[in-house]
Amino acid sequence: MTAAFAPLTWVAVALLEGSFYQCAVSGSARLAPYLCKGRDPNCNATLPQAPCNKQKVEMQEILSQLKAQSQVFGWILIAAVIILLLLVKSVTRCFSPVSYLQLKFWEIYWEKEKQILQNQAAENATQLAEENVRCFFECSKPKECNTPSSKDWQEISALYTFNPKNQFYSMLHKYVSREEMSGSVRSVEGDAVIPALGFVDDMSMTNTHEL
């Protein structure tokens, strides 16, 4: 649903502006009889040129009519998207496996974990970069710098699944709480993907220069 928001917004803005709708409808042979009803007999032939021939009064009237229709469709689309978002949010909250207060706590935890992870990643990346640059200019061997392996990053980047028996607030939380340090955080029996907890998977990190 989130992925469709941007293109729908673009379509709504285009409809409110009206130009695309005017060009599309004025070139339609099926709609020409409706638009030219009661007008000049040559209207059907000149209608496709209406967007480029705005000086004629008759063409201006048709373009104004098309723009009004386009704006109506644009507002209908905006209203439909808003209503759909409200319905989806309401339904997902109704089927949430946790209470409202726990969900609010979860969101606070997620924001804090994301912020701390970004800061810690920036700090560690800076230390590693400084050490490598220093060794390059001094022609020396770098000191050992502990960083997560590719497997570790893959583990905490996996799709979050909820399990009522073991409630973890993120994949990072699940990863550090595993019984064995060499163990995996792969899904087990009872794990489920919950739409209401979809925000947990949005653990994106900004560039270091933005931190």
Protein backbone atom coordinates (compact mmCIF):
# COMPACT_ATOMS: atom_id res chain seq x y z
CA MET A 1 0.00 0.00 0.00
CA THR A 2 2.82 2.38 0.86
CA ALA A 3 4.54 1.68 -2.47
CA ALA A 4 1.40 2.74 -4.35
CA PHE A 5 1.12 6.05 -2.48
CA ALA A 6 3.69 7.94 -4.59
CA PRO A 7 2.26 7.06 -8.03
CA LEU A 8 -1.30 7.70 -6.83
CA THR A 9 -0.20 11.10 -5.55
CA TRP A 10 1.35 11.89 -8.94
CA VAL A 11 -1.86 10.83 -10.73
CA ALA A 12 -3.97 12.98 -8.37
CA VAL A 13 -1.76 16.04 -8.94
CA ALA A 14 -1.90 15.50 -12.72
CA LEU A 15 -5.70 15.27 -12.60
CA LEU A 16 -5.99 18.45 -10.53
CA GLU A 17 -3.78 20.29 -13.02
CA GLY A 18 -5.95 19.01 -15.88
CA SER A 19 -3.57 19.14 -18.87
CA PHE A 20 -3.04 15.39 -19.22
CA TYR A 21 -6.75 14.69 -18.97
CA GLN A 22 -7.52 17.37 -21.57
CA CYS A 23 -5.05 15.87 -24.04
CA ALA A 24 -6.24 12.31 -23.44
CA VAL A 25 -9.99 12.94 -23.67
CA SER A 26 -9.88 15.46 -26.54
CA GLY A 27 -8.12 12.84 -28.68
CA SER A 28 -10.71 10.14 -27.97
CA ALA A 29 -12.97 9.39 -30.95
CA ARG A 30 -15.54 7.70 -28.68
CA LEU A 31 -15.99 10.78 -26.48
CA ALA A 32 -15.97 13.28 -29.35
CA PRO A 33 -19.76 13.04 -30.04
CA TYR A 34 -20.49 13.74 -26.37
CA LEU A 35 -18.14 16.74 -26.17
CA CYS A 36 -19.26 18.18 -29.52
CA LYS A 37 -22.99 17.71 -28.97
CA GLY A 38 -24.80 20.90 -30.03
CA ARG A 39 -21.61 22.52 -31.29
CA ASP A 40 -20.07 23.33 -34.68
CA PRO A 41 -20.26 20.42 -37.21
CA ASN A 42 -16.46 20.56 -37.60
CA CYS A 43 -15.98 20.11 -33.87
CA ASN A 44 -15.28 16.37 -34.17
CA ALA A 45 -12.43 17.00 -36.59
CA THR A 46 -10.86 19.88 -34.67
CA LEU A 47 -11.36 18.45 -31.17
CA PRO A 48 -7.94 16.67 -31.01
CA GLN A 49 -6.33 20.08 -31.60
CA ALA A 50 -8.20 21.69 -28.71
CA PRO A 51 -5.27 21.69 -26.22
CA CYS A 52 -3.13 23.51 -28.80
CA ASN A 53 -5.86 25.82 -30.11
CA LYS A 54 -7.04 27.66 -27.01
CA GLN A 55 -7.86 30.91 -28.80
CA LYS A 56 -11.23 29.75 -30.13
CA VAL A 57 -14.07 30.36 -27.71
CA GLU A 58 -15.61 26.97 -28.44
CA MET A 59 -12.33 25.20 -27.70
CA GLN A 60 -11.93 27.18 -24.48
CA GLU A 61 -15.36 26.01 -23.34
CA ILE A 62 -14.50 22.37 -24.05
CA LEU A 63 -11.14 22.67 -22.30
CA SER A 64 -12.79 24.29 -19.27
CA GLN A 65 -15.29 21.45 -19.16
CA LEU A 66 -12.53 18.84 -19.38
CA LYS A 67 -10.45 20.57 -16.70
CA ALA A 68 -13.45 20.64 -14.36
CA GLN A 69 -14.01 16.92 -14.94
CA SER A 70 -10.32 16.22 -14.37
CA GLN A 71 -10.33 18.10 -11.06
CA VAL A 72 -13.44 16.24 -9.90
CA PHE A 73 -11.75 12.90 -10.66
CA GLY A 74 -8.61 14.13 -8.89
CA TRP A 75 -10.47 14.99 -5.69
CA ILE A 76 -12.39 11.71 -5.88
CA LEU A 77 -9.08 9.84 -6.13
CA ILE A 78 -7.63 11.76 -3.16
CA ALA A 79 -10.74 11.06 -1.06
CA ALA A 80 -10.68 7.38 -2.04
CA VAL A 81 -7.01 7.02 -1.10
CA ILE A 82 -7.56 8.73 2.27
CA ILE A 83 -10.57 6.54 3.06
CA LEU A 84 -8.69 3.41 1.98
CA LEU A 85 -5.71 4.32 4.17
CA LEU A 86 -7.99 4.89 7.16
CA LEU A 87 -9.75 1.57 6.57
CA VAL A 88 -6.49 -0.34 6.19
CA LYS A 89 -5.02 1.27 9.31
CA SER A 90 -8.19 0.59 11.31
CA VAL A 91 -8.45 -3.03 10.19
CA THR A 92 -4.77 -3.77 10.85
CA ARG A 93 -5.03 -2.20 14.32
CA CYS A 94 -8.12 -4.31 15.07
CA PHE A 95 -6.22 -7.49 14.22
CA SER A 96 -3.07 -6.45 16.09
CA PRO A 97 -1.88 -9.19 18.50
CA VAL A 98 -0.77 -6.58 21.06
CA SER A 99 -2.64 -3.90 22.97
CA TYR A 100 -2.70 -0.24 21.97
CA LEU A 101 -0.37 0.80 24.81
CA GLN A 102 2.14 -1.94 24.02
CA LEU A 103 2.04 -0.94 20.36
CA LYS A 104 2.84 2.67 21.31
CA PHE A 105 5.72 1.43 23.49
CA TRP A 106 6.87 -0.71 20.55
CA GLU A 107 6.92 2.28 18.24
CA ILE A 108 8.94 4.30 20.79
CA TYR A 109 11.42 1.43 21.15
CA TRP A 110 11.71 1.09 17.38
CA GLU A 111 12.47 4.80 16.95
CA LYS A 112 15.11 4.72 19.71
CA GLU A 113 16.73 1.54 18.39
CA LYS A 114 16.87 3.00 14.89
CA GLN A 115 18.43 6.23 16.16
CA ILE A 116 21.02 4.45 18.32
CA LEU A 117 21.87 2.01 15.52
CA GLN A 118 22.47 4.90 13.14
CA ASN A 119 24.69 6.71 15.64
CA GLN A 120 26.63 3.56 16.54
CA ALA A 121 27.07 2.62 12.88
CA ALA A 122 28.36 6.12 12.09
CA GLU A 123 30.79 6.00 15.02
CA ASN A 124 32.14 2.54 14.15
CA ALA A 125 32.39 3.37 10.45
CA THR A 126 34.30 6.56 11.29
CA GLN A 127 36.74 4.68 13.52
CA LEU A 128 37.33 2.03 10.85
CA ALA A 129 37.82 4.66 8.14
CA GLU A 130 40.23 6.67 10.31
CA GLU A 131 42.26 3.56 11.12
CA ASN A 132 42.50 2.49 7.47
CA VAL A 133 43.50 5.98 6.30
CA ARG A 134 46.09 6.27 9.08
CA CYS A 135 47.63 2.92 8.17
CA PHE A 136 47.69 3.88 4.51
CA PHE A 137 49.76 7.00 5.13
CA GLU A 138 51.94 5.39 7.81
CA CYS A 139 52.43 2.17 5.79
CA SER A 140 51.49 0.11 8.84
CA LYS A 141 49.14 -2.73 9.67
CA PRO A 142 45.68 -1.75 10.95
CA LYS A 143 44.54 -2.63 14.44
CA GLU A 144 41.83 -5.25 14.78
CA CYS A 145 38.41 -3.65 14.53
CA ASN A 146 35.40 -5.77 15.38
CA THR A 147 32.52 -5.25 12.98
CA PRO A 148 29.46 -7.42 12.31
CA SER A 149 29.88 -10.00 9.57
CA SER A 150 27.78 -10.15 6.42
CA LYS A 151 25.78 -12.97 7.99
CA ASP A 152 25.09 -10.82 11.06
CA TRP A 153 23.76 -7.98 8.89
CA GLN A 154 21.61 -10.44 6.94
CA GLU A 155 20.17 -11.84 10.16
CA ILE A 156 18.98 -8.47 11.47
CA SER A 157 17.77 -7.47 7.99
CA ALA A 158 15.42 -10.45 7.68
CA LEU A 159 11.65 -9.99 7.56
CA TYR A 160 10.26 -9.56 11.07
CA THR A 161 7.92 -12.28 12.32
CA PHE A 162 5.86 -12.14 15.50
CA ASN A 163 5.65 -15.00 17.97
CA PRO A 164 3.46 -14.64 21.10
CA LYS A 165 5.70 -17.08 23.00
CA ASN A 166 8.86 -15.03 22.46
CA GLN A 167 8.08 -11.37 21.91
CA PHE A 168 10.99 -9.51 20.38
CA TYR A 169 10.66 -5.87 19.38
CA SER A 170 12.91 -6.14 16.33
CA MET A 171 15.15 -8.55 14.45
CA LEU A 172 18.13 -6.97 16.20
CA HIS A 173 16.45 -7.68 19.56
CA LYS A 174 15.79 -11.25 18.45
CA TYR A 175 19.36 -11.64 17.20
CA VAL A 176 21.09 -10.54 20.42
CA SER A 177 18.66 -12.62 22.52
CA ARG A 178 19.30 -15.92 20.72
CA GLU A 179 20.38 -18.80 22.97
CA GLU A 180 23.65 -19.51 21.15
CA MET A 181 25.91 -16.80 19.75
CA SER A 182 26.40 -18.90 16.62
CA GLY A 183 22.69 -19.59 16.28
CA SER A 184 20.32 -18.24 13.66
CA VAL A 185 17.19 -16.10 13.98
CA ARG A 186 15.28 -17.87 11.24
CA SER A 187 11.53 -18.25 11.65
CA VAL A 188 10.26 -21.10 13.78
CA GLU A 189 6.84 -22.64 14.33
CA GLY A 190 4.40 -20.03 15.57
CA ASP A 191 6.07 -17.09 13.81
CA ALA A 192 3.73 -14.95 11.72
CA VAL A 193 3.93 -11.78 9.65
CA ILE A 194 1.58 -9.21 11.20
CA PRO A 195 0.59 -6.20 9.00
CA ALA A 196 0.10 -3.99 12.08
CA LEU A 197 3.78 -4.52 12.94
CA GLY A 198 5.05 -3.75 9.45
CA PHE A 199 6.85 -0.64 10.71
CA VAL A 200 9.43 -2.91 12.38
CA ASP A 201 10.92 -3.77 8.97
CA ASP A 202 11.57 -0.12 8.11
CA MET A 203 15.01 -0.04 9.71
CA SER A 204 16.71 2.17 7.10
CA MET A 205 19.86 4.10 7.96
CA THR A 206 20.74 7.54 6.64
CA ASN A 207 24.12 8.50 5.24
CA THR A 208 26.82 9.28 7.76
CA HIS A 209 27.10 12.91 6.69
CA GLU A 210 23.45 13.39 7.64
CA LEU A 211 23.94 12.11 11.18
